Amino acid sequence: MAKHTKKVSIIRKYGTCYGASLWKMKKKIEISQHSKHTCSFCGKTKMKSHRHLALWFLLENSGWRGLDLQHYSAVRVKSAIRKLKELEDQQKCYHLRPKHTQ
């Protein structure tokens, strides 16, 4: 079997030539880059981004797609998803409130 490169953290990836402050900034950028994001069309949090290509990849159903996040339909869907999440949070808070007994 062929050998492969050992996976290391961002701090060890670049060696000693850059300094700790740049390591920390790069680590923060890479963590946000590799995290999963919310899809503006369906609201799922299973989407990876490649911002330098302006492409998004929804892992389940649709594959790669270029998104215009300011498009009219995208804005409507994003606002609807936001409202639904707010309603869901309000309902959770309502159920957690103690009931007053007299």
C-alpha atoms as a PDB file:
ATOM      1  CA  MET A   1       0.000   0.000   0.000  1.00  0.00           C
ATOM      2  CA  ALA A   2       1.107   3.529  -0.686  1.00  0.00           C
ATOM      3  CA  LYS A   3       1.954   5.866   2.139  1.00  0.00           C
ATOM      4  CA  HIS A   4      -0.151   8.935   2.665  1.00  0.00           C
ATOM      5  CA  THR A   5       0.413  12.256   4.362  1.00  0.00           C
ATOM      6  CA  LYS A   6      -0.436  12.307   8.034  1.00  0.00           C
ATOM      7  CA  LYS A   7      -3.341  14.633   8.799  1.00  0.00           C
ATOM      8  CA  VAL A   8      -2.258  17.376  11.164  1.00  0.00           C
ATOM      9  CA  SER A   9      -3.786  20.548  12.534  1.00  0.00           C
ATOM     10  CA  ILE A  10      -3.357  23.917  10.917  1.00  0.00           C
ATOM     11  CA  ILE A  11      -0.654  24.834  13.412  1.00  0.00           C
ATOM     12  CA  ARG A  12       1.608  22.027  12.277  1.00  0.00           C
ATOM     13  CA  LYS A  13       0.714  22.235   8.591  1.00  0.00           C
ATOM     14  CA  TYR A  14       2.816  25.288   7.792  1.00  0.00           C
ATOM     15  CA  GLY A  15       5.806  24.903  10.110  1.00  0.00           C
ATOM     16  CA  THR A  16       7.657  27.608  11.977  1.00  0.00           C
ATOM     17  CA  CYS A  17       7.965  30.210   9.263  1.00  0.00           C
ATOM     18  CA  TYR A  18       4.711  32.113   9.879  1.00  0.00           C
ATOM     19  CA  GLY A  19       4.226  32.713  13.607  1.00  0.00           C
ATOM     20  CA  ALA A  20       1.511  31.984  16.133  1.00  0.00           C
ATOM     21  CA  SER A  21      -0.768  34.935  15.377  1.00  0.00           C
ATOM     22  CA  LEU A  22      -1.087  33.931  11.724  1.00  0.00           C
ATOM     23  CA  TRP A  23      -1.661  30.294  12.720  1.00  0.00           C
ATOM     24  CA  LYS A  24      -4.563  31.350  14.917  1.00  0.00           C
ATOM     25  CA  MET A  25      -6.139  33.479  12.187  1.00  0.00           C
ATOM     26  CA  LYS A  26      -5.763  30.706   9.611  1.00  0.00           C
ATOM     27  CA  LYS A  27      -7.185  28.127  12.039  1.00  0.00           C
ATOM     28  CA  LYS A  28     -10.288  30.264  12.580  1.00  0.00           C
ATOM     29  CA  ILE A  29     -10.770  30.647   8.822  1.00  0.00           C
ATOM     30  CA  GLU A  30     -10.367  26.923   8.129  1.00  0.00           C
ATOM     31  CA  ILE A  31     -12.762  25.893  10.890  1.00  0.00           C
ATOM     32  CA  SER A  32     -15.501  28.134   9.485  1.00  0.00           C
ATOM     33  CA  GLN A  33     -14.703  27.039   5.940  1.00  0.00           C
ATOM     34  CA  HIS A  34     -15.031  23.315   6.661  1.00  0.00           C
ATOM     35  CA  SER A  35     -18.102  23.586   8.863  1.00  0.00           C
ATOM     36  CA  LYS A  36     -21.562  22.842   7.550  1.00  0.00           C
ATOM     37  CA  HIS A  37     -23.867  25.733   6.657  1.00  0.00           C
ATOM     38  CA  THR A  38     -27.620  26.154   6.359  1.00  0.00           C
ATOM     39  CA  CYS A  39     -29.091  25.791   2.894  1.00  0.00           C
ATOM     40  CA  SER A  40     -31.061  28.884   1.892  1.00  0.00           C
ATOM     41  CA  PHE A  41     -33.520  26.843  -0.167  1.00  0.00           C
ATOM     42  CA  CYS A  42     -34.498  23.977   2.135  1.00  0.00           C
ATOM     43  CA  GLY A  43     -33.173  25.036   5.566  1.00  0.00           C
ATOM     44  CA  LYS A  44     -31.042  21.940   6.172  1.00  0.00           C
ATOM     45  CA  THR A  45     -27.642  22.294   7.818  1.00  0.00           C
ATOM     46  CA  LYS A  46     -25.844  19.861   5.553  1.00  0.00           C
ATOM     47  CA  MET A  47     -24.214  22.187   3.087  1.00  0.00           C
ATOM     48  CA  LYS A  48     -20.524  22.769   2.440  1.00  0.00           C
ATOM     49  CA  SER A  49     -19.277  25.970   0.878  1.00  0.00           C
ATOM     50  CA  HIS A  50     -16.480  26.783  -1.482  1.00  0.00           C
ATOM     51  CA  ARG A  51     -16.651  30.559  -1.433  1.00  0.00           C
ATOM     52  CA  HIS A  52     -13.750  31.091  -3.804  1.00  0.00           C
ATOM     53  CA  LEU A  53     -15.774  29.306  -6.487  1.00  0.00           C
ATOM     54  CA  ALA A  54     -19.153  30.695  -5.337  1.00  0.00           C
ATOM     55  CA  LEU A  55     -20.473  27.131  -5.311  1.00  0.00           C
ATOM     56  CA  TRP A  56     -22.430  25.343  -2.641  1.00  0.00           C
ATOM     57  CA  PHE A  57     -22.843  21.635  -2.187  1.00  0.00           C
ATOM     58  CA  LEU A  58     -25.907  20.257  -0.498  1.00  0.00           C
ATOM     59  CA  LEU A  59     -24.900  16.808   0.648  1.00  0.00           C
ATOM     60  CA  GLU A  60     -28.249  15.084   0.380  1.00  0.00           C
ATOM     61  CA  ASN A  61     -30.340  15.917  -2.619  1.00  0.00           C
ATOM     62  CA  SER A  62     -29.248  18.532  -5.093  1.00  0.00           C
ATOM     63  CA  GLY A  63     -25.487  18.427  -5.578  1.00  0.00           C
ATOM     64  CA  TRP A  64     -23.391  21.408  -6.585  1.00  0.00           C
ATOM     65  CA  ARG A  65     -25.189  24.620  -7.327  1.00  0.00           C
ATOM     66  CA  GLY A  66     -24.182  28.211  -7.726  1.00  0.00           C
ATOM     67  CA  LEU A  67     -26.371  30.382  -5.564  1.00  0.00           C
ATOM     68  CA  ASP A  68     -27.328  33.977  -5.970  1.00  0.00           C
ATOM     69  CA  LEU A  69     -28.190  34.705  -2.361  1.00  0.00           C
ATOM     70  CA  GLN A  70     -29.732  38.081  -3.211  1.00  0.00           C
ATOM     71  CA  HIS A  71     -32.143  36.601  -5.751  1.00  0.00           C
ATOM     72  CA  TYR A  72     -35.804  37.316  -5.014  1.00  0.00           C
ATOM     73  CA  SER A  73     -36.833  33.704  -4.412  1.00  0.00           C
ATOM     74  CA  ALA A  74     -33.779  33.025  -2.244  1.00  0.00           C
ATOM     75  CA  VAL A  75     -34.551  36.057  -0.078  1.00  0.00           C
ATOM     76  CA  ARG A  76     -38.173  34.944   0.333  1.00  0.00           C
ATOM     77  CA  VAL A  77     -37.164  31.420   1.300  1.00  0.00           C
ATOM     78  CA  LYS A  78     -34.532  32.653   3.741  1.00  0.00           C
ATOM     79  CA  SER A  79     -37.023  34.959   5.456  1.00  0.00           C
ATOM     80  CA  ALA A  80     -39.617  32.164   5.655  1.00  0.00           C
ATOM     81  CA  ILE A  81     -37.073  29.796   7.204  1.00  0.00           C
ATOM     82  CA  ARG A  82     -36.040  32.479   9.692  1.00  0.00           C
ATOM     83  CA  LYS A  83     -39.682  33.078  10.705  1.00  0.00           C
ATOM     84  CA  LEU A  84     -40.294  29.352  11.158  1.00  0.00           C
ATOM     85  CA  LYS A  85     -37.211  29.017  13.348  1.00  0.00           C
ATOM     86  CA  GLU A  86     -38.327  31.986  15.460  1.00  0.00           C
ATOM     87  CA  LEU A  87     -41.783  30.438  15.917  1.00  0.00           C
ATOM     88  CA  GLU A  88     -40.201  27.140  16.891  1.00  0.00           C
ATOM     89  CA  ASP A  89     -37.995  28.882  19.465  1.00  0.00           C
ATOM     90  CA  GLN A  90     -41.010  30.732  20.892  1.00  0.00           C
ATOM     91  CA  GLN A  91     -42.913  27.469  21.251  1.00  0.00           C
ATOM     92  CA  LYS A  92     -39.978  25.869  23.038  1.00  0.00           C
ATOM     93  CA  CYS A  93     -39.797  28.822  25.436  1.00  0.00           C
ATOM     94  CA  TYR A  94     -43.568  28.657  25.991  1.00  0.00           C
ATOM     95  CA  HIS A  95     -43.377  24.979  26.955  1.00  0.00           C
ATOM     96  CA  LEU A  96     -40.452  25.591  29.304  1.00  0.00           C
ATOM     97  CA  ARG A  97     -42.193  28.385  31.223  1.00  0.00           C
ATOM     98  CA  PRO A  98     -43.490  27.329  34.657  1.00  0.00           C
ATOM     99  CA  LYS A  99     -47.262  27.194  34.898  1.00  0.00           C
ATOM    100  CA  HIS A 100     -48.905  29.473  37.462  1.00  0.00           C
ATOM    101  CA  THR A 101     -51.151  27.684  39.931  1.00  0.00           C
ATOM    102  CA  GLN A 102     -53.707  29.450  42.085  1.00  0.00           C
END
